[in-house]
Amino acid sequence: MPGDQNFYSANSYWASNLTGAVLNGSVPVWRLDDMATRIMASFYKVGLDKDRVEVNLDSWSTDVYGYRHYFAQEGYGLINGNVDVRGNHATLIREIAAKGTVILKNIGNALPLQKPKQIAVFGSDATDNPRGPNGCPDRACADGTVAMGWGSGTANFPYLISPLSALQNKAIADGTVIQWVVDDYATGHMKQTATQATVCLVFVKAQAGEGFVGVDGNQGDRKNLTLWSNGEEVISTVAANCNNTIVTIHSPGPVTLEEWIEHPNITAVLYAGLPGQESGNSIVDVLYGLVEPGRLPFTIAKNAKDYGVSLMYEPDNTYAPQQNLSGLLIDHRYFDKHNIEPRFEFGFGLSYTTWKYHKIVVRKTNAGPYVPSNGRTPAARTTKVTESAESLLFPAGFTKVRFYNYPWLNSTSDVKQDGENGPSDAYDPNGTATRPAGGAPGGNPGLYDILYEVNVTLSNTGKRNGEEVVQLYISQGESDDPVRVLRGFRRVSVNAGKSTTVTFTITRRDISRWDTTTQNWVVSPAEKMVFVGRSSRDLPLVAKLNGGKKSIGYSKNKPGRQGHGMKTFM
């Protein structure tokens, strides 16, 4: 998609247009050279000039043989070698999916499951797509369980284990009776089946993807935050007839829960995201307590309006740049700044054991001062444009290939050549000044100097071994800063009844803010605080990082679970 004016049009803003822009002086030659250098730098960075593997994959076709240059219908031969590069991917993605699943509700130790006598499974999200795991182009559908978003970045499943198939295997091994209703509209049969089960497992979904294709009126982005496929009705029907209903959500992000989350018969709720090919096995691992669950990577609001933005169903001005940007106040930062109570905050997630946080100690290091980069880059190697516009027209008899872009000009009528050498700044013999915040990949190396070391003691006060996700947040202190920002997290294993020390480091970048005037990172003089705990609003440990002026930003939001054990740095 090289600068297409319209998707899949090949009407590029570059190609011939870029040639014309250089000729008329609107793009300096040194800038063109800079563009080319940036593109080719990665080629040399990874050593492709020395050791290049022959291409053995065609992203546009699953055929083994075909045209390497499809639109030109040239280069027929092997285009897909079907090289198996999976390695231990199956094991890894199962672990990632399980540890990424979040338990939002767990009443009366409904979870983990302990060989229940009879299970009933409900919802099409529990089962296979009737057309197979890759039956929808670019995975653009919501038939069967949702395990991947749709769009040009999707992949083909090598297989997809549905929740129902994995639960059947587990039930057989445990001697559990298992029944299911996967028709989302068969509410009568759901009622009958739900009354027979000791545990009812409901699977519901929502889906999203890239905007070049729509599913059920959702053109890429979702048009609302409700469940798909009659999900709310499935939940309410089952919960009304089963006093141990456990709901699992597969979706690309938050969904609204308020209609049913407080139902007394709903004993547990899990958010499982888009888990991939091991979907069923990973959710079984969590449901049966074989893997400790994870934490929310976003906030779930009580009301969709609490997110502070509204959906734009039709563009109000296609060509105007967006003006209503949220800046740094995204997700939990917005909720914290405006003191909005969420249903489940960023970083929230229940555990199968209990935890105690105590004893925070902050040690200041002897890091050197921050030194802005200076000097100049090497001068760009440029060549003067001596060709006339006429000499850069398409060669006589040249056959264009559809969807290909070419540098030659279509005509000279719209190219006004600005002299032999272009404008006065067409060539840059001196290089450019180094930005203060630059100097290395990732920015000024001084940004990554460690300024503080934070140590906290974590105790597993429960009766089973577990894993806790310890989270560190920082308050920058200025009135226009977010109340707190996440600056680190650690997933820590601790045996029952044991304690461990969890260590974080805080870099200069972690407490810096971008100054638009100096175009550099600066550390403001405001008082800075560090918070450690289980989520963005469950932060029992607080410490002061510096002795700056009185904090402005952090005191504006005081979540009920935050704030004991304040210490200053040593």
Protein backbone atom coordinates (compact mmCIF):
# COMPACT_ATOMS: atom_id res chain seq x y z
CA MET A 1 0.00 0.00 0.00
CA PRO A 2 2.62 2.59 -1.08
CA GLY A 3 0.80 5.84 -0.40
CA ASP A 4 -2.47 4.89 -2.07
CA GLN A 5 -4.92 7.75 -2.46
CA ASN A 6 -7.70 5.19 -2.17
CA PHE A 7 -7.47 1.68 -0.80
CA TYR A 8 -6.45 -0.90 -3.40
CA SER A 9 -6.38 1.73 -6.16
CA ALA A 10 -2.64 1.98 -6.97
CA ASN A 11 -3.19 5.74 -7.34
CA SER A 12 -0.10 6.60 -5.35
CA TYR A 13 0.88 9.93 -3.86
CA TRP A 14 4.47 8.89 -4.63
CA ALA A 15 5.81 7.17 -7.78
CA SER A 16 5.40 9.63 -10.69
CA ASN A 17 4.16 12.29 -8.30
CA LEU A 18 7.37 12.10 -6.29
CA THR A 19 9.46 12.45 -9.44
CA GLY A 20 7.48 15.54 -10.36
CA ALA A 21 7.86 16.94 -6.84
CA VAL A 22 11.65 16.68 -7.06
CA LEU A 23 11.70 18.32 -10.48
CA ASN A 24 9.56 21.27 -9.40
CA GLY A 25 11.49 21.76 -6.18
CA SER A 26 8.75 20.98 -3.67
CA VAL A 27 10.80 18.00 -2.41
CA PRO A 28 14.55 18.68 -1.99
CA VAL A 29 16.91 16.10 -3.44
CA TRP A 30 18.54 15.59 -0.06
CA ARG A 31 15.11 14.68 1.38
CA LEU A 32 14.57 12.12 -1.38
CA ASP A 33 17.98 10.62 -0.63
CA ASP A 34 17.10 10.57 3.06
CA MET A 35 13.89 8.64 2.30
CA ALA A 36 15.80 6.05 0.30
CA THR A 37 18.49 5.77 2.97
CA ARG A 38 15.94 5.10 5.69
CA ILE A 39 14.32 2.37 3.61
CA MET A 40 17.60 0.66 2.77
CA ALA A 41 19.12 1.04 6.26
CA SER A 42 17.08 -1.88 7.59
CA PHE A 43 18.18 -4.00 4.63
CA TYR A 44 21.80 -3.59 5.67
CA LYS A 45 21.03 -3.64 9.40
CA VAL A 46 19.85 -7.26 9.22
CA GLY A 47 22.64 -8.29 6.84
CA LEU A 48 20.56 -9.04 3.76
CA ASP A 49 23.33 -7.65 1.57
CA LYS A 50 25.53 -10.56 2.72
CA ASP A 51 23.22 -13.48 3.40
CA ARG A 52 19.78 -13.49 1.86
CA VAL A 53 17.45 -16.50 2.01
CA GLU A 54 15.42 -17.12 -1.11
CA VAL A 55 11.79 -16.11 -0.70
CA ASN A 56 9.64 -19.19 -0.05
CA LEU A 57 6.32 -17.65 0.98
CA ASP A 58 3.58 -15.88 -0.97
CA SER A 59 1.32 -13.88 1.33
CA TRP A 60 -1.36 -13.54 -1.36
CA SER A 61 -1.85 -17.21 -2.20
CA THR A 62 -1.90 -20.59 -0.50
CA ASP A 63 -1.06 -22.40 -3.75
CA VAL A 64 2.24 -24.25 -3.87
CA TYR A 65 2.93 -23.17 -7.46
CA GLY A 66 1.98 -19.93 -9.14
CA TYR A 67 3.25 -16.63 -10.52
CA ARG A 68 5.73 -14.88 -8.28
CA HIS A 69 4.73 -11.62 -9.95
CA TYR A 70 1.02 -12.23 -10.00
CA PHE A 71 -0.28 -9.11 -11.75
CA ALA A 72 2.44 -9.34 -14.39
CA GLN A 73 1.77 -13.08 -14.77
CA GLU A 74 5.53 -13.70 -14.75
CA GLY A 75 7.92 -15.95 -12.86
CA TYR A 76 5.84 -19.11 -12.63
CA GLY A 77 7.22 -21.65 -10.18
CA LEU A 78 7.30 -22.63 -6.52
CA ILE A 79 5.81 -19.78 -4.48
CA ASN A 80 5.07 -21.53 -1.18
CA GLY A 81 7.64 -23.90 0.26
CA ASN A 82 5.40 -24.65 3.27
CA VAL A 83 8.39 -24.56 5.59
CA ASP A 84 7.41 -25.57 9.12
CA VAL A 85 8.69 -22.76 11.35
CA ARG A 86 6.32 -23.34 14.28
CA GLY A 87 8.81 -24.82 16.71
CA ASN A 88 7.24 -24.83 20.19
CA HIS A 89 4.58 -22.30 19.20
CA ALA A 90 1.69 -24.53 20.28
CA THR A 91 3.06 -24.87 23.81
CA LEU A 92 3.93 -21.20 24.02
CA ILE A 93 0.63 -19.81 22.74
CA ARG A 94 -1.30 -22.10 25.08
CA GLU A 95 0.68 -20.72 28.01
CA ILE A 96 0.31 -17.11 26.84
CA ALA A 97 -3.43 -17.49 26.26
CA ALA A 98 -3.99 -19.06 29.67
CA LYS A 99 -1.87 -16.53 31.55
CA GLY A 100 -3.59 -13.75 29.63
CA THR A 101 -7.06 -14.89 30.69
CA VAL A 102 -8.52 -12.70 33.44
CA ILE A 103 -10.92 -13.82 36.17
CA LEU A 104 -13.26 -10.87 36.77
CA LYS A 105 -15.65 -12.53 39.22
CA ASN A 106 -15.41 -15.66 41.37
CA ILE A 107 -18.07 -16.07 44.04
CA GLY A 108 -18.01 -18.89 46.57
CA ASN A 109 -14.94 -20.50 45.02
CA ALA A 110 -16.85 -21.41 41.89
CA LEU A 111 -13.41 -21.68 40.32
CA PRO A 112 -11.30 -23.67 39.96
CA LEU A 113 -13.54 -26.54 38.89
CA GLN A 114 -13.10 -29.79 40.80
CA LYS A 115 -14.35 -32.67 38.64
CA PRO A 116 -17.99 -31.51 38.53
CA LYS A 117 -20.63 -34.21 38.08
CA GLN A 118 -22.34 -32.64 35.09
CA ILE A 119 -21.32 -29.76 32.84
CA ALA A 120 -23.49 -27.95 30.32
CA VAL A 121 -21.85 -25.75 27.67
CA PHE A 122 -23.73 -22.95 25.91
CA GLY A 123 -23.12 -20.56 23.02
CA SER A 124 -21.71 -20.75 19.51
CA ASP A 125 -18.48 -19.26 20.84
CA ALA A 126 -17.78 -22.64 22.41
CA THR A 127 -17.71 -24.58 19.17
CA ASP A 128 -16.10 -24.82 15.73
CA ASN A 129 -16.88 -22.76 12.68
CA PRO A 130 -18.89 -25.12 10.43
CA ARG A 131 -16.70 -24.03 7.50
CA GLY A 132 -13.50 -24.82 9.36
CA PRO A 133 -11.05 -22.59 11.25
CA ASN A 134 -10.02 -20.77 8.06
CA GLY A 135 -13.41 -20.86 6.39
CA CYS A 136 -13.86 -17.08 6.38
CA PRO A 137 -11.58 -14.91 4.18
CA ASP A 138 -9.10 -13.07 6.41
CA ARG A 139 -10.99 -14.62 9.36
CA ALA A 140 -13.74 -12.04 8.78
CA CYS A 141 -16.69 -13.66 10.50
CA ALA A 142 -17.87 -14.66 13.93
CA ASP A 143 -19.06 -18.18 13.19
CA GLY A 144 -17.96 -20.51 15.94
CA THR A 145 -15.46 -19.56 18.59
CA VAL A 146 -13.58 -16.28 18.18
CA ALA A 147 -9.83 -16.79 18.49
CA MET A 148 -8.35 -14.19 16.11
CA GLY A 149 -9.31 -10.79 14.73
CA TRP A 150 -9.77 -10.23 11.00
CA GLY A 151 -7.80 -8.27 8.44
CA SER A 152 -4.66 -8.29 6.33
CA GLY A 153 -2.53 -9.12 9.37
CA THR A 154 -4.25 -12.42 10.11
CA ALA A 155 -2.79 -15.87 9.62
CA ASN A 156 -4.18 -19.29 8.79
CA PHE A 157 -4.83 -21.50 11.78
CA PRO A 158 -2.81 -24.75 11.58
CA TYR A 159 -5.68 -26.04 13.73
CA LEU A 160 -8.09 -24.52 16.23
CA ILE A 161 -9.08 -26.30 19.42
CA SER A 162 -12.49 -25.01 20.45
CA PRO A 163 -13.52 -24.71 24.12
CA LEU A 164 -16.14 -27.42 23.64
CA SER A 165 -13.67 -29.96 22.24
CA ALA A 166 -11.19 -29.31 25.06
CA LEU A 167 -13.93 -29.51 27.68
CA GLN A 168 -15.13 -32.80 26.22
CA ASN A 169 -11.64 -34.25 26.56
CA LYS A 170 -11.38 -33.03 30.16
CA ALA A 171 -14.86 -34.33 31.01
CA ILE A 172 -14.05 -37.78 29.62
CA ALA A 173 -10.84 -37.91 31.66
CA ASP A 174 -12.66 -36.86 34.85
CA GLY A 175 -15.77 -38.97 34.36
CA THR A 176 -17.93 -35.86 34.06
CA VAL A 177 -21.19 -35.85 32.09
CA ILE A 178 -21.17 -33.09 29.48
CA GLN A 179 -23.99 -31.66 27.34
CA TRP A 180 -24.14 -28.59 25.14
CA VAL A 181 -26.36 -26.18 23.23
CA VAL A 182 -24.42 -24.12 20.70
CA ASP A 183 -27.37 -22.59 18.86
CA ASP A 184 -27.48 -19.05 20.26
CA TYR A 185 -31.21 -18.77 19.67
CA ALA A 186 -32.37 -22.16 21.01
CA THR A 187 -33.39 -20.65 24.35
CA GLY A 188 -35.99 -23.32 25.06
CA HIS A 189 -33.43 -26.09 24.81
CA MET A 190 -31.00 -24.00 26.87
CA LYS A 191 -33.49 -23.83 29.75
CA GLN A 192 -34.01 -27.59 29.73
CA THR A 193 -30.29 -28.38 29.59
CA ALA A 194 -29.27 -25.76 32.19
CA THR A 195 -31.53 -27.22 34.87
CA GLN A 196 -29.72 -30.57 34.68
CA ALA A 197 -26.16 -29.30 35.16
CA THR A 198 -24.11 -28.69 38.29
CA VAL A 199 -21.96 -26.22 36.32
CA CYS A 200 -23.12 -24.17 33.32
CA LEU A 201 -20.36 -22.77 31.13
CA VAL A 202 -21.51 -19.95 28.84
CA PHE A 203 -19.26 -18.73 26.03
CA VAL A 204 -20.01 -15.36 24.44
CA LYS A 205 -18.15 -13.18 21.98
CA ALA A 206 -17.57 -10.00 20.03
CA GLN A 207 -15.22 -9.49 17.10
CA ALA A 208 -13.35 -6.75 15.24
CA GLY A 209 -10.72 -6.31 12.56
CA GLU A 210 -9.48 -4.17 9.71
CA GLY A 211 -11.90 -1.80 8.02
CA PHE A 212 -11.65 -3.11 4.47
CA VAL A 213 -14.24 -5.73 5.34
CA GLY A 214 -17.35 -5.64 7.49
CA VAL A 215 -19.10 -8.30 9.53
CA ASP A 216 -22.74 -7.82 10.54
CA GLY A 217 -22.47 -4.08 9.98
CA ASN A 218 -19.23 -3.75 11.92
CA GLN A 219 -16.85 -2.18 9.42
CA GLY A 220 -13.60 -3.14 11.07
CA ASP A 221 -14.20 -1.44 14.40
CA ARG A 222 -17.16 -2.56 16.46
CA LYS A 223 -20.22 -0.32 16.23
CA ASN A 224 -21.01 -0.84 19.92
CA LEU A 225 -19.69 -2.63 23.00
CA THR A 226 -22.46 -5.21 23.32
CA LEU A 227 -22.01 -8.93 22.79
CA TRP A 228 -22.58 -10.54 19.41
CA SER A 229 -24.70 -13.55 18.49
CA ASN A 230 -27.46 -12.92 21.05
CA GLY A 231 -24.88 -13.12 23.83
CA GLU A 232 -26.80 -11.22 26.51
CA GLU A 233 -29.89 -13.36 25.94
CA VAL A 234 -27.85 -16.58 26.15
CA ILE A 235 -26.38 -15.47 29.48
CA SER A 236 -29.69 -14.39 31.02
CA THR A 237 -31.46 -17.56 29.86
CA VAL A 238 -28.86 -19.89 31.32
CA ALA A 239 -28.42 -17.89 34.54
CA ALA A 240 -32.17 -17.94 35.15
CA ASN A 241 -32.09 -21.74 35.14
CA CYS A 242 -28.67 -22.62 36.59
CA ASN A 243 -27.39 -21.38 39.96
CA ASN A 244 -23.74 -21.97 39.04
CA THR A 245 -23.30 -20.12 35.76
CA ILE A 246 -19.76 -19.29 34.62
CA VAL A 247 -19.35 -16.86 31.70
CA THR A 248 -16.30 -16.69 29.43
CA ILE A 249 -15.90 -13.75 27.04
CA HIS A 250 -13.85 -13.86 23.85
CA SER A 251 -13.50 -10.38 22.36
CA PRO A 252 -10.87 -7.91 21.10
CA GLY A 253 -11.55 -5.49 23.96
CA PRO A 254 -14.08 -4.36 26.56
CA VAL A 255 -17.75 -5.27 26.39
CA THR A 256 -20.58 -3.93 28.55
CA LEU A 257 -21.38 -6.20 31.48
CA GLU A 258 -23.90 -4.26 33.57
CA GLU A 259 -26.99 -6.04 32.25
CA TRP A 260 -25.96 -9.32 33.86
CA ILE A 261 -22.73 -9.06 35.89
CA GLU A 262 -24.55 -8.82 39.27
CA HIS A 263 -26.91 -11.74 38.60
CA PRO A 264 -26.74 -13.92 41.75
CA ASN A 265 -26.55 -17.13 39.72
CA ILE A 266 -23.51 -15.93 37.77
CA THR A 267 -20.74 -17.18 40.02
CA ALA A 268 -17.72 -16.47 37.81
CA VAL A 269 -16.78 -14.36 34.79
CA LEU A 270 -13.63 -14.64 32.70
CA TYR A 271 -12.23 -12.45 29.94
CA ALA A 272 -10.15 -14.58 27.54
CA GLY A 273 -9.40 -12.13 24.71
CA LEU A 274 -8.49 -13.61 21.33
CA PRO A 275 -6.45 -16.65 22.42
CA GLY A 276 -5.39 -18.26 19.14
CA GLN A 277 -5.17 -21.88 18.07
CA GLU A 278 -5.00 -23.38 21.60
CA SER A 279 -8.14 -21.53 22.71
CA GLY A 280 -9.92 -24.52 24.22
CA ASN A 281 -6.93 -25.97 26.02
CA SER A 282 -5.94 -22.60 27.46
CA ILE A 283 -9.38 -21.87 28.92
CA VAL A 284 -9.56 -25.37 30.42
CA ASP A 285 -6.18 -24.73 32.05
CA VAL A 286 -7.62 -21.69 33.82
CA LEU A 287 -11.08 -23.09 34.61
CA TYR A 288 -9.53 -26.08 36.35
CA GLY A 289 -6.81 -24.10 38.13
CA LEU A 290 -3.86 -25.55 36.24
CA VAL A 291 -2.61 -22.05 35.36
CA GLU A 292 -2.85 -18.81 37.34
CA PRO A 293 -4.84 -16.18 35.42
CA GLY A 294 -3.65 -12.73 34.36
CA ARG A 295 -4.71 -9.07 34.59
CA LEU A 296 -6.78 -6.69 32.45
CA PRO A 297 -4.86 -4.68 29.82
CA PHE A 298 -7.71 -2.13 29.68
CA THR A 299 -10.53 -0.65 31.76
CA ILE A 300 -14.05 -2.08 31.66
CA ALA A 301 -16.52 0.75 32.23
CA LYS A 302 -19.92 0.59 33.86
CA ASN A 303 -21.33 2.62 31.00
CA ALA A 304 -20.01 3.00 27.47
CA LYS A 305 -20.30 6.79 27.87
CA ASP A 306 -17.72 6.66 30.65
CA TYR A 307 -14.96 6.19 28.08
CA GLY A 308 -15.45 9.85 27.12
CA VAL A 309 -15.61 9.31 23.38
CA SER A 310 -18.50 8.64 21.04
CA LEU A 311 -18.58 6.45 17.97
CA MET A 312 -18.40 8.16 14.61
CA TYR A 313 -20.65 6.16 12.33
CA GLU A 314 -20.19 8.55 9.41
CA PRO A 315 -17.14 10.78 8.83
CA ASP A 316 -17.97 14.43 9.50
CA ASN A 317 -15.17 15.74 7.29
CA THR A 318 -13.11 13.20 5.40
CA TYR A 319 -10.26 15.55 4.60
CA ALA A 320 -9.84 17.45 7.87
CA PRO A 321 -7.29 16.19 10.41
CA GLN A 322 -8.68 14.92 13.68
CA GLN A 323 -8.87 17.60 16.36
CA ASN A 324 -10.46 15.81 19.32
CA LEU A 325 -7.38 13.85 20.37
CA SER A 326 -7.24 12.58 23.95
CA GLY A 327 -3.52 13.17 24.42
CA LEU A 328 -2.10 11.11 27.26
CA LEU A 329 -5.48 10.53 28.89
CA ILE A 330 -6.35 7.16 27.43
CA ASP A 331 -8.07 4.26 29.20
CA HIS A 332 -7.43 4.25 32.97
CA ARG A 333 -5.68 7.61 32.79
CA TYR A 334 -8.95 9.18 31.62
CA PHE A 335 -10.97 7.40 34.32
CA ASP A 336 -8.47 8.42 37.01
CA LYS A 337 -8.27 12.05 35.90
CA HIS A 338 -12.04 12.44 35.86
CA ASN A 339 -12.59 10.31 38.97
CA ILE A 340 -14.87 7.85 37.16
CA GLU A 341 -15.54 4.56 38.91
CA PRO A 342 -15.10 1.65 36.47
CA ARG A 343 -16.61 -1.79 36.72
CA PHE A 344 -13.12 -3.33 36.51
CA GLU A 345 -10.04 -1.14 36.43
CA PHE A 346 -6.91 -1.47 34.30
CA GLY A 347 -4.67 -4.16 35.76
CA PHE A 348 -7.51 -5.87 37.66
CA GLY A 349 -7.71 -9.64 37.94
CA LEU A 350 -8.55 -12.19 40.61
CA SER A 351 -6.14 -14.87 41.77
CA TYR A 352 -6.59 -18.41 43.05
CA THR A 353 -4.73 -17.47 46.22
CA THR A 354 -4.42 -14.39 48.46
CA TRP A 355 -1.61 -11.85 48.63
CA LYS A 356 -0.16 -9.27 50.99
CA TYR A 357 2.04 -6.34 49.96
CA HIS A 358 4.32 -4.81 52.55
CA LYS A 359 7.62 -3.01 53.08
CA ILE A 360 8.48 -0.77 50.14
CA VAL A 361 12.02 0.60 49.96
CA VAL A 362 13.24 3.04 47.30
CA ARG A 363 16.96 3.51 46.75
CA LYS A 364 18.34 6.39 44.71
CA THR A 365 21.25 5.48 42.43
CA ASN A 366 24.29 7.52 41.46
CA ALA A 367 23.31 8.05 37.85
CA GLY A 368 25.12 10.81 36.00
CA PRO A 369 23.48 13.92 34.54
CA TYR A 370 21.38 13.91 31.41
CA VAL A 371 23.44 15.26 28.51
CA PRO A 372 21.50 16.37 25.42
CA SER A 373 22.91 15.15 22.13
CA ASN A 374 24.62 17.75 19.98
CA GLY A 375 26.64 18.03 16.79
CA ARG A 376 25.54 17.33 13.25
CA THR A 377 24.81 14.30 11.15
CA PRO A 378 27.12 13.46 8.24
CA ALA A 379 26.29 15.38 5.10
CA ALA A 380 23.91 13.60 2.79
CA ARG A 381 25.44 12.28 -0.39
CA THR A 382 23.34 13.74 -3.15
CA THR A 383 23.43 13.92 -6.90
CA LYS A 384 22.22 16.89 -8.85
CA VAL A 385 19.19 16.51 -11.06
CA THR A 386 20.27 17.23 -14.59
CA GLU A 387 17.56 15.35 -16.43
CA SER A 388 14.78 17.24 -18.11
CA ALA A 389 11.17 16.38 -17.48
CA GLU A 390 10.88 15.13 -21.06
CA SER A 391 13.67 12.61 -20.49
CA LEU A 392 11.78 11.12 -17.54
CA LEU A 393 8.62 10.21 -19.43
CA PHE A 394 7.62 6.54 -19.66
CA PRO A 395 9.83 4.76 -22.25
CA ALA A 396 8.21 4.30 -25.62
CA GLY A 397 6.36 1.00 -25.89
CA PHE A 398 6.55 0.32 -22.14
CA THR A 399 3.72 -1.89 -20.87
CA LYS A 400 2.37 -0.92 -17.47
CA VAL A 401 1.27 -3.64 -15.07
CA ARG A 402 -1.84 -3.07 -13.02
CA PHE A 403 -1.20 -2.10 -9.38
CA TYR A 404 2.47 -1.44 -10.04
CA ASN A 405 3.90 2.02 -9.35
CA TYR A 406 6.61 3.53 -11.55
CA PRO A 407 8.87 6.57 -11.16
CA TRP A 408 8.47 7.76 -14.76
CA LEU A 409 6.24 10.70 -15.58
CA ASN A 410 2.92 10.33 -17.36
CA SER A 411 3.27 13.79 -18.90
CA THR A 412 5.22 17.01 -18.52
CA SER A 413 2.18 19.29 -18.57
CA ASP A 414 1.83 19.34 -14.79
CA VAL A 415 5.57 19.52 -14.01
CA LYS A 416 7.11 22.96 -13.82
CA GLN A 417 10.83 22.35 -13.56
CA ASP A 418 12.51 24.75 -11.13
CA GLY A 419 15.86 25.22 -12.78
CA GLU A 420 18.63 22.71 -13.21
CA ASN A 421 19.33 22.31 -9.51
CA GLY A 422 15.91 22.94 -7.97
CA PRO A 423 15.43 25.36 -5.05
CA SER A 424 18.23 26.75 -2.91
CA ASP A 425 17.85 24.02 -0.28
CA ALA A 426 17.79 21.16 -2.77
CA TYR A 427 21.23 20.05 -1.60
CA ASP A 428 22.45 19.91 1.97
CA PRO A 429 26.25 19.82 2.18
CA ASN A 430 26.36 20.30 5.96
CA GLY A 431 24.11 17.59 7.34
CA THR A 432 21.50 18.38 9.98
CA ALA A 433 21.71 19.26 13.66
CA THR A 434 21.36 16.30 16.03
CA ARG A 435 18.20 16.47 18.13
CA PRO A 436 18.81 16.82 21.90
CA ALA A 437 16.64 13.77 22.56
CA GLY A 438 18.40 11.69 19.91
CA GLY A 439 21.83 10.18 19.59
CA ALA A 440 21.03 6.45 19.45
CA PRO A 441 18.26 4.02 18.53
CA GLY A 442 15.47 4.58 21.03
CA GLY A 443 16.61 8.11 21.83
CA ASN A 444 19.25 9.69 24.02
CA PRO A 445 21.06 6.92 25.95
CA GLY A 446 20.73 9.01 29.12
CA LEU A 447 16.98 8.39 29.08
CA TYR A 448 17.65 4.80 30.10
CA ASP A 449 19.93 5.56 33.04
CA ILE A 450 18.53 3.90 36.17
CA LEU A 451 17.68 6.57 38.75
CA TYR A 452 15.90 4.50 41.40
CA GLU A 453 15.60 0.91 42.54
CA VAL A 454 12.31 -0.10 44.17
CA ASN A 455 12.01 -3.20 46.35
CA VAL A 456 8.75 -4.53 47.77
CA THR A 457 7.95 -7.60 49.81
CA LEU A 458 5.18 -9.86 48.52
CA SER A 459 3.66 -12.66 50.60
CA ASN A 460 1.42 -15.50 49.44
CA THR A 461 -1.04 -15.74 52.33
CA GLY A 462 -3.19 -18.42 50.71
CA LYS A 463 -3.17 -22.22 50.79
CA ARG A 464 -1.92 -22.87 47.28
CA ASN A 465 1.08 -21.84 45.23
CA GLY A 466 0.39 -18.94 42.93
CA GLU A 467 1.58 -16.22 40.60
CA GLU A 468 0.95 -12.54 41.20
CA VAL A 469 1.30 -9.70 38.69
CA VAL A 470 2.95 -6.93 40.71
CA GLN A 471 2.41 -3.51 39.12
CA LEU A 472 4.35 -0.25 39.58
CA TYR A 473 2.83 3.14 38.78
CA ILE A 474 4.34 6.61 38.93
CA SER A 475 2.76 10.01 39.50
CA GLN A 476 4.62 12.77 37.61
CA GLY A 477 3.02 15.44 39.79
CA GLU A 478 2.12 18.22 37.35
CA SER A 479 -1.51 19.32 37.01
CA ASP A 480 -1.70 18.30 33.34
CA ASP A 481 -0.06 14.90 33.88
CA PRO A 482 -2.07 11.69 34.17
CA VAL A 483 -2.79 10.80 37.80
CA ARG A 484 -0.64 7.69 37.49
CA VAL A 485 1.09 5.84 34.68
CA LEU A 486 2.19 2.21 34.57
CA ARG A 487 5.97 1.98 34.55
CA GLY A 488 6.58 -1.71 35.22
CA PHE A 489 5.09 -5.07 36.12
CA ARG A 490 6.44 -8.45 37.18
CA ARG A 491 4.72 -11.84 37.15
CA VAL A 492 6.08 -13.53 40.27
CA SER A 493 5.70 -17.13 41.49
CA VAL A 494 5.45 -17.58 45.26
CA ASN A 495 4.69 -20.80 47.13
CA ALA A 496 1.90 -20.88 49.70
CA GLY A 497 2.92 -19.24 52.98
CA LYS A 498 6.13 -17.84 51.53
CA SER A 499 7.38 -14.33 50.76
CA THR A 500 9.68 -12.85 48.16
CA THR A 501 11.26 -9.52 47.25
CA VAL A 502 10.18 -7.98 43.96
CA THR A 503 12.56 -5.46 42.40
CA PHE A 504 11.82 -2.70 39.89
CA THR A 505 14.11 -0.13 38.35
CA ILE A 506 12.99 3.37 37.38
CA THR A 507 14.78 5.09 34.52
CA ARG A 508 15.06 8.76 33.68
CA ARG A 509 12.63 8.15 30.83
CA ASP A 510 10.08 6.81 33.33
CA ILE A 511 9.81 10.16 35.13
CA SER A 512 10.35 12.46 32.13
CA ARG A 513 7.83 14.40 30.09
CA TRP A 514 8.18 15.69 26.54
CA ASP A 515 8.78 19.43 26.19
CA THR A 516 7.40 20.64 22.87
CA THR A 517 9.38 23.89 23.02
CA THR A 518 12.85 22.41 23.51
CA GLN A 519 11.97 19.17 21.71
CA ASN A 520 13.53 17.22 24.53
CA TRP A 521 12.67 15.06 27.53
CA VAL A 522 12.69 16.93 30.85
CA VAL A 523 12.15 15.96 34.49
CA SER A 524 9.82 18.48 36.09
CA PRO A 525 10.47 19.70 39.66
CA ALA A 526 7.08 18.42 40.86
CA GLU A 527 6.91 15.86 43.64
CA LYS A 528 6.93 12.34 42.22
CA MET A 529 5.38 9.31 43.84
CA VAL A 530 5.67 5.60 43.20
CA PHE A 531 2.78 3.18 43.81
CA VAL A 532 2.94 -0.64 43.88
CA GLY A 533 0.04 -3.06 44.01
CA ARG A 534 -2.37 -5.40 42.21
CA SER A 535 -4.04 -2.98 39.78
CA SER A 536 -4.27 0.69 38.86
CA ARG A 537 -6.66 1.21 41.78
CA ASP A 538 -5.41 -1.34 44.28
CA LEU A 539 -2.09 0.16 45.32
CA PRO A 540 -1.32 -0.47 49.00
CA LEU A 541 2.32 0.65 48.83
CA VAL A 542 3.25 4.29 48.20
CA ALA A 543 6.65 5.99 48.31
CA LYS A 544 8.09 9.40 47.50
CA LEU A 545 10.77 9.56 44.81
CA ASN A 546 11.99 13.12 45.28
CA GLY A 547 11.60 16.13 47.50
CA GLY A 548 10.06 18.39 44.86
CA LYS A 549 7.22 20.84 45.20
CA LYS A 550 3.84 19.66 46.46
CA SER A 551 2.19 17.10 44.23
CA ILE A 552 -0.71 18.45 42.17
CA GLY A 553 -1.85 15.62 39.97
CA TYR A 554 -1.84 12.49 42.11
CA SER A 555 -4.07 13.72 44.93
CA LYS A 556 -7.00 14.40 42.59
CA ASN A 557 -7.95 10.75 42.47
CA LYS A 558 -8.14 8.68 45.62
CA PRO A 559 -9.34 5.17 44.80
CA GLY A 560 -10.60 3.39 47.88
CA ARG A 561 -8.07 0.56 47.81
CA GLN A 562 -5.02 2.83 47.45
CA GLY A 563 -2.62 4.25 49.92
CA HIS A 564 -0.86 2.80 52.91
CA GLY A 565 2.76 2.25 53.80
CA MET A 566 4.29 5.53 52.56
CA LYS A 567 8.08 5.66 52.56
CA THR A 568 10.69 8.07 51.26
CA PHE A 569 13.74 6.97 49.33
CA MET A 570 16.89 5.93 51.16
